[in-house]
N, C-alpha and C. Protein backbone atom coordinates (compact mmCIF):
# COMPACT_ATOMS: atom_id res chain seq x y z
N UNK A 1 194.29 -42.79 81.92
CA UNK A 1 194.25 -42.82 80.47
C UNK A 1 194.17 -44.35 80.10
N UNK A 2 193.25 -44.68 79.23
CA UNK A 2 193.15 -46.14 78.80
C UNK A 2 194.27 -46.44 77.86
N UNK A 3 194.82 -47.54 77.99
CA UNK A 3 195.88 -48.01 76.96
C UNK A 3 195.34 -49.19 76.14
N UNK A 4 195.57 -49.10 74.87
CA UNK A 4 195.04 -50.08 73.91
C UNK A 4 195.87 -51.38 74.11
N UNK A 5 195.32 -52.45 73.92
CA UNK A 5 195.95 -53.69 74.03
C UNK A 5 195.20 -54.75 74.96
N UNK A 6 195.75 -55.77 75.18
CA UNK A 6 195.09 -56.91 75.99
C UNK A 6 195.79 -56.93 77.34
N UNK A 7 195.06 -57.18 78.26
CA UNK A 7 195.55 -57.28 79.66
C UNK A 7 194.75 -58.22 80.40
N UNK A 8 195.25 -59.41 80.80
CA UNK A 8 194.69 -60.30 81.71
C UNK A 8 193.30 -60.74 81.18
N UNK A 9 193.29 -61.33 80.15
CA UNK A 9 192.00 -61.91 79.56
C UNK A 9 191.40 -62.84 80.58
N UNK A 10 189.99 -62.89 80.63
CA UNK A 10 189.32 -63.81 81.57
C UNK A 10 189.43 -65.22 80.92
N UNK A 11 189.80 -66.20 81.76
CA UNK A 11 189.89 -67.53 81.36
C UNK A 11 188.52 -68.15 81.05
N UNK A 12 188.19 -68.58 79.81
CA UNK A 12 186.83 -69.09 79.65
C UNK A 12 186.66 -70.39 80.45
N UNK A 13 185.54 -70.31 81.29
CA UNK A 13 185.28 -71.47 82.14
C UNK A 13 183.86 -71.79 82.16
N UNK A 14 183.44 -73.03 81.71
CA UNK A 14 184.28 -74.01 81.23
C UNK A 14 184.75 -73.74 79.74
N UNK A 15 185.68 -74.50 79.29
CA UNK A 15 186.16 -75.78 79.68
C UNK A 15 187.30 -75.70 80.71
N UNK A 16 187.94 -74.51 80.77
CA UNK A 16 189.14 -74.33 81.73
C UNK A 16 188.66 -74.08 83.10
N UNK A 17 189.57 -74.36 84.08
CA UNK A 17 189.40 -73.93 85.37
C UNK A 17 190.67 -73.05 85.80
N UNK A 18 190.39 -71.97 86.35
CA UNK A 18 191.49 -71.07 86.77
C UNK A 18 192.24 -71.74 87.92
N UNK A 19 193.54 -71.83 87.75
CA UNK A 19 194.41 -72.48 88.80
C UNK A 19 194.18 -71.95 90.21
N UNK A 20 194.06 -70.51 90.22
CA UNK A 20 194.05 -69.90 91.54
C UNK A 20 192.57 -69.85 92.08
N UNK A 21 191.65 -70.45 91.42
CA UNK A 21 190.33 -70.36 91.94
C UNK A 21 190.12 -71.49 92.97
N UNK A 22 189.02 -71.43 93.83
CA UNK A 22 188.81 -72.44 94.84
C UNK A 22 188.83 -73.84 94.15
N UNK A 23 188.04 -73.99 93.00
CA UNK A 23 188.05 -75.26 92.33
C UNK A 23 189.35 -75.69 91.74
N UNK A 24 190.21 -74.71 91.31
CA UNK A 24 191.49 -75.03 90.75
C UNK A 24 192.28 -75.60 91.88
N UNK A 25 192.26 -74.89 92.99
CA UNK A 25 193.03 -75.30 94.21
C UNK A 25 192.79 -76.69 94.62
N UNK A 26 191.43 -77.03 94.69
CA UNK A 26 190.92 -78.31 95.04
C UNK A 26 191.39 -79.37 94.09
N UNK A 27 191.36 -79.04 92.73
CA UNK A 27 191.85 -80.06 91.72
C UNK A 27 193.27 -80.40 91.89
N UNK A 28 194.05 -79.26 92.06
CA UNK A 28 195.49 -79.37 92.29
C UNK A 28 195.81 -80.31 93.45
N UNK A 29 195.25 -79.95 94.59
CA UNK A 29 195.47 -80.83 95.81
C UNK A 29 195.09 -82.24 95.61
N UNK A 30 193.97 -82.46 94.92
CA UNK A 30 193.55 -83.82 94.58
C UNK A 30 194.52 -84.64 93.67
N UNK A 31 195.02 -83.96 92.70
CA UNK A 31 196.00 -84.44 91.69
C UNK A 31 197.37 -84.73 92.46
N UNK A 32 197.71 -83.78 93.35
CA UNK A 32 198.97 -84.14 94.22
C UNK A 32 198.79 -85.38 94.91
N UNK A 33 197.73 -85.40 95.64
CA UNK A 33 197.42 -86.63 96.45
C UNK A 33 197.42 -87.87 95.78
N UNK A 34 196.91 -87.81 94.49
CA UNK A 34 196.95 -88.96 93.57
C UNK A 34 198.25 -89.32 92.94
N UNK A 35 199.22 -88.40 93.15
CA UNK A 35 200.52 -88.58 92.63
C UNK A 35 200.75 -88.34 91.17
N UNK A 36 199.81 -87.56 90.55
CA UNK A 36 199.83 -87.33 89.13
C UNK A 36 200.30 -85.85 88.92
N UNK A 37 201.09 -85.26 89.74
CA UNK A 37 201.64 -83.84 89.58
C UNK A 37 203.08 -83.88 89.70
N UNK A 38 203.78 -85.02 89.52
CA UNK A 38 205.19 -85.13 89.79
C UNK A 38 206.06 -84.19 88.90
N UNK A 39 205.67 -83.93 87.68
CA UNK A 39 206.48 -83.12 86.82
C UNK A 39 206.24 -81.66 87.10
N UNK A 40 205.26 -81.32 87.84
CA UNK A 40 204.87 -79.83 88.02
C UNK A 40 206.02 -79.12 88.72
N UNK A 41 206.61 -79.81 89.71
CA UNK A 41 207.60 -79.12 90.55
C UNK A 41 208.83 -78.64 89.76
N UNK A 42 209.37 -79.52 88.95
CA UNK A 42 210.59 -79.13 88.13
C UNK A 42 210.15 -78.16 87.05
N UNK A 43 208.92 -78.21 86.56
CA UNK A 43 208.55 -77.24 85.55
C UNK A 43 208.18 -75.85 86.18
N UNK A 44 207.59 -75.87 87.27
CA UNK A 44 207.31 -74.51 87.83
C UNK A 44 208.50 -73.88 88.36
N UNK A 45 209.53 -74.65 88.74
CA UNK A 45 210.79 -74.07 89.12
C UNK A 45 211.61 -73.48 88.07
N UNK A 46 211.25 -73.84 86.85
CA UNK A 46 211.80 -73.28 85.65
C UNK A 46 210.81 -72.46 84.71
N UNK A 47 209.79 -71.98 85.37
CA UNK A 47 208.69 -71.38 84.64
C UNK A 47 209.23 -70.06 83.89
N UNK A 48 208.82 -69.83 82.72
CA UNK A 48 209.12 -68.59 81.99
C UNK A 48 207.93 -68.32 81.13
N UNK A 49 207.83 -66.94 80.80
CA UNK A 49 206.71 -66.55 79.79
C UNK A 49 207.45 -66.28 78.51
N UNK A 50 206.74 -66.40 77.39
CA UNK A 50 207.25 -66.15 76.13
C UNK A 50 207.68 -64.64 75.94
N UNK A 51 208.83 -64.48 75.26
CA UNK A 51 209.38 -63.07 75.11
C UNK A 51 208.67 -62.41 73.88
N UNK A 52 208.16 -63.22 73.01
CA UNK A 52 207.59 -62.61 71.77
C UNK A 52 206.14 -63.45 71.62
N UNK A 53 205.25 -62.74 70.97
CA UNK A 53 204.00 -63.44 70.87
C UNK A 53 204.11 -64.80 70.11
N UNK A 54 205.01 -64.97 69.19
CA UNK A 54 205.10 -66.32 68.54
C UNK A 54 206.03 -67.20 69.19
N UNK A 55 206.64 -66.86 70.31
CA UNK A 55 207.62 -67.78 70.91
C UNK A 55 207.14 -68.75 71.94
N UNK A 56 205.88 -69.04 71.91
CA UNK A 56 205.22 -70.01 72.86
C UNK A 56 205.92 -71.37 72.86
N UNK A 57 206.24 -71.79 71.59
CA UNK A 57 206.91 -73.08 71.48
C UNK A 57 208.35 -73.03 72.09
N UNK A 58 209.02 -71.95 71.89
CA UNK A 58 210.39 -71.80 72.35
C UNK A 58 210.41 -71.65 73.94
N UNK A 59 209.43 -70.85 74.36
CA UNK A 59 209.36 -70.67 75.88
C UNK A 59 209.09 -72.03 76.57
N UNK A 60 208.12 -72.74 75.99
CA UNK A 60 207.73 -74.02 76.47
C UNK A 60 208.91 -74.96 76.50
N UNK A 61 209.60 -75.07 75.37
CA UNK A 61 210.66 -75.97 75.31
C UNK A 61 211.91 -75.55 76.22
N UNK A 62 212.15 -74.31 76.42
CA UNK A 62 213.15 -73.82 77.37
C UNK A 62 212.82 -74.33 78.73
N UNK A 63 211.53 -74.17 79.17
CA UNK A 63 211.02 -74.69 80.42
C UNK A 63 211.34 -76.13 80.61
N UNK A 64 211.00 -76.94 79.55
CA UNK A 64 211.12 -78.38 79.61
C UNK A 64 212.60 -78.78 79.68
N UNK A 65 213.47 -78.16 78.81
CA UNK A 65 214.79 -78.43 78.85
C UNK A 65 215.53 -78.15 80.15
N UNK A 66 215.12 -77.11 80.72
CA UNK A 66 215.76 -76.83 82.07
C UNK A 66 215.18 -77.64 83.15
N UNK A 67 213.89 -78.05 83.05
CA UNK A 67 213.30 -78.90 84.02
C UNK A 67 213.96 -80.38 83.92
N UNK A 68 214.34 -80.72 82.81
CA UNK A 68 215.03 -82.00 82.59
C UNK A 68 216.50 -81.88 82.98
N UNK A 69 216.99 -80.79 83.31
CA UNK A 69 218.48 -80.51 83.68
C UNK A 69 219.35 -80.80 82.56
N UNK A 70 219.00 -80.58 81.32
CA UNK A 70 219.84 -80.74 80.21
C UNK A 70 220.79 -79.50 80.21
N UNK A 71 222.01 -79.64 80.06
CA UNK A 71 223.01 -78.64 79.94
C UNK A 71 223.10 -78.09 78.55
N UNK A 72 222.83 -76.83 78.37
CA UNK A 72 222.93 -76.29 76.95
C UNK A 72 224.37 -76.24 76.46
N UNK A 73 225.30 -76.32 77.28
CA UNK A 73 226.70 -76.30 76.96
C UNK A 73 227.14 -75.00 76.44
N UNK A 74 226.34 -73.97 76.53
CA UNK A 74 226.77 -72.62 76.27
C UNK A 74 226.16 -71.68 77.32
N UNK A 75 226.87 -70.60 77.55
CA UNK A 75 226.49 -69.74 78.65
C UNK A 75 225.23 -68.89 78.25
N UNK A 76 224.39 -68.76 79.22
CA UNK A 76 223.17 -67.92 79.12
C UNK A 76 223.47 -66.48 79.37
N UNK A 77 223.96 -66.27 80.64
CA UNK A 77 224.36 -64.90 81.16
C UNK A 77 225.51 -65.24 82.16
N UNK A 78 226.58 -64.39 82.02
CA UNK A 78 227.66 -64.52 82.94
C UNK A 78 228.14 -65.95 82.85
N UNK A 79 228.33 -66.61 84.03
CA UNK A 79 228.84 -68.00 84.01
C UNK A 79 227.75 -69.01 83.85
N UNK A 80 226.48 -68.55 83.90
CA UNK A 80 225.37 -69.49 83.95
C UNK A 80 225.04 -70.09 82.70
N UNK A 81 224.75 -71.50 82.65
CA UNK A 81 224.33 -72.16 81.58
C UNK A 81 222.91 -72.56 81.78
N UNK A 82 222.02 -72.12 80.89
CA UNK A 82 220.58 -72.21 81.13
C UNK A 82 219.88 -71.89 79.76
N UNK A 83 218.90 -72.73 79.46
CA UNK A 83 218.25 -72.49 78.12
C UNK A 83 217.25 -71.32 78.33
N UNK A 84 217.32 -70.56 77.20
CA UNK A 84 216.21 -69.53 77.03
C UNK A 84 215.86 -69.62 75.50
N UNK A 85 214.93 -68.83 75.14
CA UNK A 85 214.49 -68.89 73.78
C UNK A 85 215.53 -68.55 72.71
N UNK A 86 216.30 -67.68 73.01
CA UNK A 86 217.40 -67.17 72.05
C UNK A 86 218.38 -68.30 71.65
N UNK A 87 218.50 -69.35 72.42
CA UNK A 87 219.38 -70.43 72.10
C UNK A 87 218.77 -71.48 71.24
N UNK A 88 217.53 -71.38 70.94
CA UNK A 88 216.76 -72.47 70.30
C UNK A 88 216.58 -72.18 68.80
N UNK A 89 217.70 -72.29 68.09
CA UNK A 89 217.54 -71.88 66.62
C UNK A 89 218.29 -72.82 65.71
N UNK A 90 218.53 -74.07 66.20
CA UNK A 90 219.19 -75.00 65.38
C UNK A 90 218.38 -75.55 64.21
N UNK A 91 217.05 -75.58 64.30
CA UNK A 91 216.15 -76.05 63.25
C UNK A 91 215.43 -75.02 62.58
N UNK A 92 215.29 -73.75 63.12
CA UNK A 92 214.45 -72.81 62.49
C UNK A 92 215.07 -71.48 63.03
N UNK A 93 215.31 -70.48 62.10
CA UNK A 93 215.85 -69.22 62.45
C UNK A 93 214.81 -68.44 63.42
N UNK A 94 215.38 -67.88 64.39
CA UNK A 94 214.48 -67.14 65.32
C UNK A 94 213.62 -66.07 64.67
N UNK A 95 214.23 -65.45 63.62
CA UNK A 95 213.39 -64.29 63.08
C UNK A 95 212.19 -64.92 62.34
N UNK A 96 212.31 -66.16 61.83
CA UNK A 96 211.20 -66.86 61.20
C UNK A 96 210.17 -67.25 62.16
N UNK A 97 210.59 -67.80 63.26
CA UNK A 97 209.74 -68.09 64.38
C UNK A 97 209.05 -66.91 64.87
N UNK A 98 209.66 -65.81 65.01
CA UNK A 98 209.09 -64.57 65.45
C UNK A 98 208.02 -64.00 64.59
N UNK A 99 208.20 -64.23 63.24
CA UNK A 99 207.25 -63.75 62.18
C UNK A 99 206.02 -64.79 61.98
N UNK A 100 206.35 -66.16 62.08
CA UNK A 100 205.48 -67.17 61.62
C UNK A 100 204.92 -68.07 62.70
N UNK A 101 205.67 -68.12 63.84
CA UNK A 101 205.49 -69.14 64.82
C UNK A 101 206.33 -70.45 64.47
N UNK A 102 205.95 -71.53 65.10
CA UNK A 102 206.79 -72.73 64.85
C UNK A 102 205.84 -73.96 64.83
N UNK A 103 206.29 -74.96 64.14
CA UNK A 103 205.44 -76.24 64.05
C UNK A 103 205.87 -77.18 65.13
N UNK A 104 205.02 -78.18 65.42
CA UNK A 104 205.36 -79.11 66.24
C UNK A 104 206.54 -79.94 65.86
N UNK A 105 206.73 -80.19 64.49
CA UNK A 105 207.86 -80.85 64.02
C UNK A 105 209.11 -80.19 64.37
N UNK A 106 209.09 -78.84 64.20
CA UNK A 106 210.30 -77.98 64.50
C UNK A 106 210.53 -78.00 65.93
N UNK A 107 209.57 -77.90 66.77
CA UNK A 107 209.86 -77.93 68.30
C UNK A 107 210.44 -79.27 68.63
N UNK A 108 209.97 -80.40 68.03
CA UNK A 108 210.61 -81.70 68.33
C UNK A 108 212.00 -81.66 67.84
N UNK A 109 212.32 -81.11 66.72
CA UNK A 109 213.57 -81.02 66.13
C UNK A 109 214.50 -80.24 67.17
N UNK A 110 214.11 -79.10 67.59
CA UNK A 110 214.88 -78.27 68.55
C UNK A 110 215.13 -79.03 69.87
N UNK A 111 214.17 -79.80 70.36
CA UNK A 111 214.33 -80.67 71.60
C UNK A 111 215.40 -81.65 71.35
N UNK A 112 215.34 -82.36 70.24
CA UNK A 112 216.36 -83.41 69.97
C UNK A 112 217.72 -82.70 69.74
N UNK A 113 217.83 -81.61 69.09
CA UNK A 113 219.02 -80.90 68.93
C UNK A 113 219.66 -80.52 70.23
N UNK A 114 218.85 -80.23 71.25
CA UNK A 114 219.28 -79.84 72.60
C UNK A 114 219.64 -80.98 73.46
N UNK A 115 219.36 -82.20 73.02
CA UNK A 115 219.73 -83.43 73.71
C UNK A 115 218.60 -84.08 74.46
N UNK A 116 217.40 -83.76 74.22
CA UNK A 116 216.23 -84.42 74.85
C UNK A 116 215.72 -85.59 74.05
N UNK A 117 215.17 -86.58 74.70
CA UNK A 117 214.49 -87.66 74.02
C UNK A 117 213.13 -87.16 73.64
N UNK A 118 212.65 -87.42 72.48
CA UNK A 118 211.40 -86.89 72.00
C UNK A 118 210.54 -87.83 71.47
N UNK A 119 209.20 -87.88 71.82
CA UNK A 119 208.21 -88.74 71.12
C UNK A 119 207.15 -87.58 70.81
N UNK A 120 206.93 -87.45 69.49
CA UNK A 120 205.91 -86.44 69.00
C UNK A 120 204.59 -87.29 68.71
N UNK A 121 203.49 -86.76 69.20
CA UNK A 121 202.21 -87.37 69.02
C UNK A 121 201.28 -86.45 68.34
N UNK A 122 200.86 -86.79 67.17
CA UNK A 122 199.96 -85.93 66.40
C UNK A 122 198.62 -86.59 66.48
N UNK A 123 197.53 -85.72 66.57
CA UNK A 123 196.15 -86.35 66.74
C UNK A 123 195.86 -87.21 65.64
N UNK A 124 196.33 -86.94 64.43
CA UNK A 124 196.02 -87.76 63.31
C UNK A 124 196.79 -89.21 63.40
N UNK A 125 197.74 -89.31 64.25
CA UNK A 125 198.52 -90.58 64.28
C UNK A 125 198.27 -91.30 65.57
N UNK A 126 197.42 -90.89 66.39
CA UNK A 126 197.19 -91.62 67.68
C UNK A 126 195.63 -91.58 68.01
N UNK A 127 195.34 -92.09 69.13
CA UNK A 127 193.97 -92.09 69.70
C UNK A 127 194.00 -91.20 70.90
N UNK A 128 192.80 -90.78 71.35
CA UNK A 128 192.53 -90.09 72.56
C UNK A 128 193.03 -91.04 73.72
N UNK A 129 192.67 -92.22 73.73
CA UNK A 129 193.02 -93.14 74.84
C UNK A 129 194.59 -93.34 74.92
N UNK A 130 195.27 -93.43 73.79
CA UNK A 130 196.72 -93.56 73.74
C UNK A 130 197.29 -92.26 74.32
N UNK A 131 196.86 -91.09 73.93
CA UNK A 131 197.27 -89.81 74.51
C UNK A 131 197.01 -89.73 75.94
N UNK A 132 195.92 -90.16 76.47
CA UNK A 132 195.53 -90.21 77.86
C UNK A 132 196.54 -91.08 78.66
N UNK A 133 196.87 -92.29 78.08
CA UNK A 133 197.68 -93.12 78.73
C UNK A 133 199.13 -92.55 78.91
N UNK A 134 199.58 -91.88 77.82
CA UNK A 134 200.90 -91.20 77.90
C UNK A 134 200.86 -90.02 78.96
N UNK A 135 199.68 -89.28 78.97
CA UNK A 135 199.62 -88.24 80.09
C UNK A 135 199.74 -88.87 81.41
N UNK A 136 198.99 -90.00 81.62
CA UNK A 136 198.92 -90.56 82.86
C UNK A 136 200.27 -91.12 83.33
N UNK A 137 200.95 -91.85 82.44
CA UNK A 137 202.25 -92.34 82.68
C UNK A 137 203.29 -91.25 82.96
N UNK A 138 203.29 -90.21 82.20
CA UNK A 138 204.22 -89.10 82.32
C UNK A 138 203.97 -88.33 83.64
N UNK A 139 202.76 -88.19 84.00
CA UNK A 139 202.42 -87.30 85.08
C UNK A 139 202.80 -87.86 86.49
N UNK A 140 203.27 -89.06 86.54
CA UNK A 140 203.72 -89.71 87.77
C UNK A 140 205.25 -89.71 87.88
N UNK A 141 205.89 -88.99 86.93
CA UNK A 141 207.32 -89.03 86.84
C UNK A 141 207.77 -87.55 86.86
N UNK A 142 208.93 -87.23 87.47
CA UNK A 142 209.45 -85.87 87.21
C UNK A 142 210.50 -85.89 86.21
N UNK A 143 210.77 -86.97 85.48
CA UNK A 143 211.69 -86.97 84.41
C UNK A 143 210.99 -87.10 83.04
N UNK A 144 209.72 -86.93 83.00
CA UNK A 144 209.00 -86.92 81.77
C UNK A 144 208.15 -85.72 81.70
N UNK A 145 208.28 -84.99 80.66
CA UNK A 145 207.48 -83.80 80.47
C UNK A 145 206.78 -83.76 79.15
N UNK A 146 205.55 -83.27 79.13
CA UNK A 146 204.80 -83.19 77.95
C UNK A 146 204.57 -81.76 77.51
N UNK A 147 204.77 -81.57 76.19
CA UNK A 147 204.44 -80.22 75.49
C UNK A 147 203.15 -80.48 74.71
N UNK A 148 202.32 -79.56 75.02
CA UNK A 148 201.01 -79.66 74.20
C UNK A 148 200.92 -78.56 73.19
N UNK A 149 200.61 -79.02 71.99
CA UNK A 149 200.32 -78.04 70.87
C UNK A 149 198.87 -78.12 70.73
N UNK A 150 198.17 -77.01 70.83
CA UNK A 150 196.71 -77.05 70.63
C UNK A 150 196.20 -75.67 70.00
N UNK A 151 194.95 -75.76 69.65
CA UNK A 151 194.32 -74.65 69.07
C UNK A 151 193.58 -73.90 70.14
N UNK A 152 193.84 -72.72 70.42
CA UNK A 152 193.32 -71.95 71.54
C UNK A 152 191.75 -71.88 71.49
N UNK A 153 191.27 -71.81 70.16
CA UNK A 153 189.90 -71.78 70.12
C UNK A 153 189.01 -72.93 70.67
N UNK A 154 189.63 -74.11 70.71
CA UNK A 154 189.09 -75.27 71.30
C UNK A 154 188.83 -75.03 72.75
N UNK A 155 189.55 -74.22 73.40
CA UNK A 155 189.43 -73.89 74.82
C UNK A 155 188.65 -72.57 74.99
N UNK A 156 188.07 -72.14 73.96
CA UNK A 156 187.25 -70.86 73.88
C UNK A 156 188.07 -69.65 74.22
N UNK A 157 189.32 -69.75 73.84
CA UNK A 157 190.34 -68.60 74.00
C UNK A 157 190.56 -67.88 72.62
N UNK A 158 190.97 -66.68 72.64
CA UNK A 158 191.32 -65.98 71.41
C UNK A 158 192.72 -66.51 70.95
N UNK A 159 192.92 -66.47 69.68
CA UNK A 159 194.20 -66.87 69.11
C UNK A 159 194.06 -68.18 68.42
N UNK A 160 195.17 -68.75 67.83
CA UNK A 160 195.06 -69.99 67.18
C UNK A 160 196.01 -70.98 67.78
N UNK A 161 197.00 -71.39 66.95
CA UNK A 161 197.89 -72.44 67.53
C UNK A 161 198.72 -71.92 68.71
N UNK A 162 199.03 -72.88 69.68
CA UNK A 162 199.70 -72.49 70.90
C UNK A 162 200.39 -73.59 71.49
N UNK A 163 201.55 -73.52 72.18
CA UNK A 163 202.29 -74.47 72.89
C UNK A 163 202.32 -74.14 74.27
N UNK A 164 202.15 -75.08 75.15
CA UNK A 164 202.41 -74.89 76.65
C UNK A 164 202.78 -76.31 77.17
N UNK A 165 203.63 -76.32 78.31
CA UNK A 165 203.78 -77.55 78.94
C UNK A 165 202.66 -78.05 79.88
N UNK A 166 202.52 -79.31 79.98
CA UNK A 166 201.42 -79.88 80.78
C UNK A 166 202.13 -80.23 82.05
N UNK A 167 201.56 -79.59 83.21
CA UNK A 167 202.13 -79.68 84.50
C UNK A 167 201.74 -80.92 85.30
N UNK A 168 200.55 -81.56 84.87
CA UNK A 168 200.07 -82.65 85.65
C UNK A 168 198.69 -83.05 85.19
N UNK A 169 198.09 -84.02 85.87
CA UNK A 169 196.87 -84.70 85.46
C UNK A 169 195.93 -84.93 86.56
N UNK A 170 194.68 -84.68 86.38
CA UNK A 170 193.63 -85.03 87.45
C UNK A 170 192.82 -86.14 86.74
N UNK A 171 193.01 -87.31 87.12
CA UNK A 171 192.31 -88.50 86.54
C UNK A 171 190.84 -88.50 86.72
N UNK A 172 190.39 -88.09 87.92
CA UNK A 172 188.96 -88.08 88.27
C UNK A 172 188.19 -87.20 87.32
N UNK A 173 188.73 -86.00 86.98
CA UNK A 173 188.09 -85.15 86.07
C UNK A 173 188.61 -85.22 84.52
N UNK A 174 189.61 -86.01 84.39
CA UNK A 174 190.21 -86.22 83.11
C UNK A 174 190.71 -84.86 82.56
N UNK A 175 191.44 -84.16 83.39
CA UNK A 175 191.95 -82.72 83.08
C UNK A 175 193.45 -82.62 83.16
N UNK A 176 194.09 -81.85 82.44
CA UNK A 176 195.43 -81.63 82.58
C UNK A 176 195.59 -80.21 83.10
N UNK A 177 196.81 -79.89 83.70
CA UNK A 177 197.17 -78.66 84.17
C UNK A 177 198.04 -78.00 82.97
N UNK A 178 197.56 -77.08 82.37
CA UNK A 178 198.35 -76.42 81.27
C UNK A 178 199.10 -75.22 81.98
N UNK A 179 200.38 -75.25 81.92
CA UNK A 179 201.20 -74.19 82.42
C UNK A 179 201.37 -73.16 81.23
N UNK A 180 200.53 -72.29 81.08
CA UNK A 180 200.42 -71.38 79.99
C UNK A 180 201.55 -70.44 79.91
N UNK A 181 202.36 -70.37 78.86
CA UNK A 181 203.63 -69.50 78.85
C UNK A 181 203.27 -68.13 78.17
N UNK A 182 201.95 -67.91 77.84
CA UNK A 182 201.62 -66.67 77.27
C UNK A 182 201.45 -65.54 78.33
């Protein structure tokens, strides 16, 4: 019996390259060899998917905060202190995020509230070259993580605004690895 809904949408390629494809594996190895995947390891060790359709910003931020080893100073489950989406409500009520999503400014506010150093770059306030420079410098460090806020339509995907962490950079192809939390 067929079930209504979405299941494993095909990744539009181009512009994207499936991480598990032969080309994706080749790009990943090349980026590792170039030293521009340093943040990947801590992010992937803390990977999580969003619990609600509009929680992409919260799931992304939880991953990044955990990758940065920031102590939430409250317990997640049992004795464990660990960020998850339910803890990220100091700047926006969770019910509002669940209903409407969240803005880049509110994600930055949540990150600061949790103790992270934050620099927010909006496309209207920077250039592609400055963004690329930041991606390059951050991709060679495991203590710097980038959160991308983008319109899924730009990547030929369904949906609108979305957040995901950037796991690394391939300079030769000028591509980032988006660790999609959806």
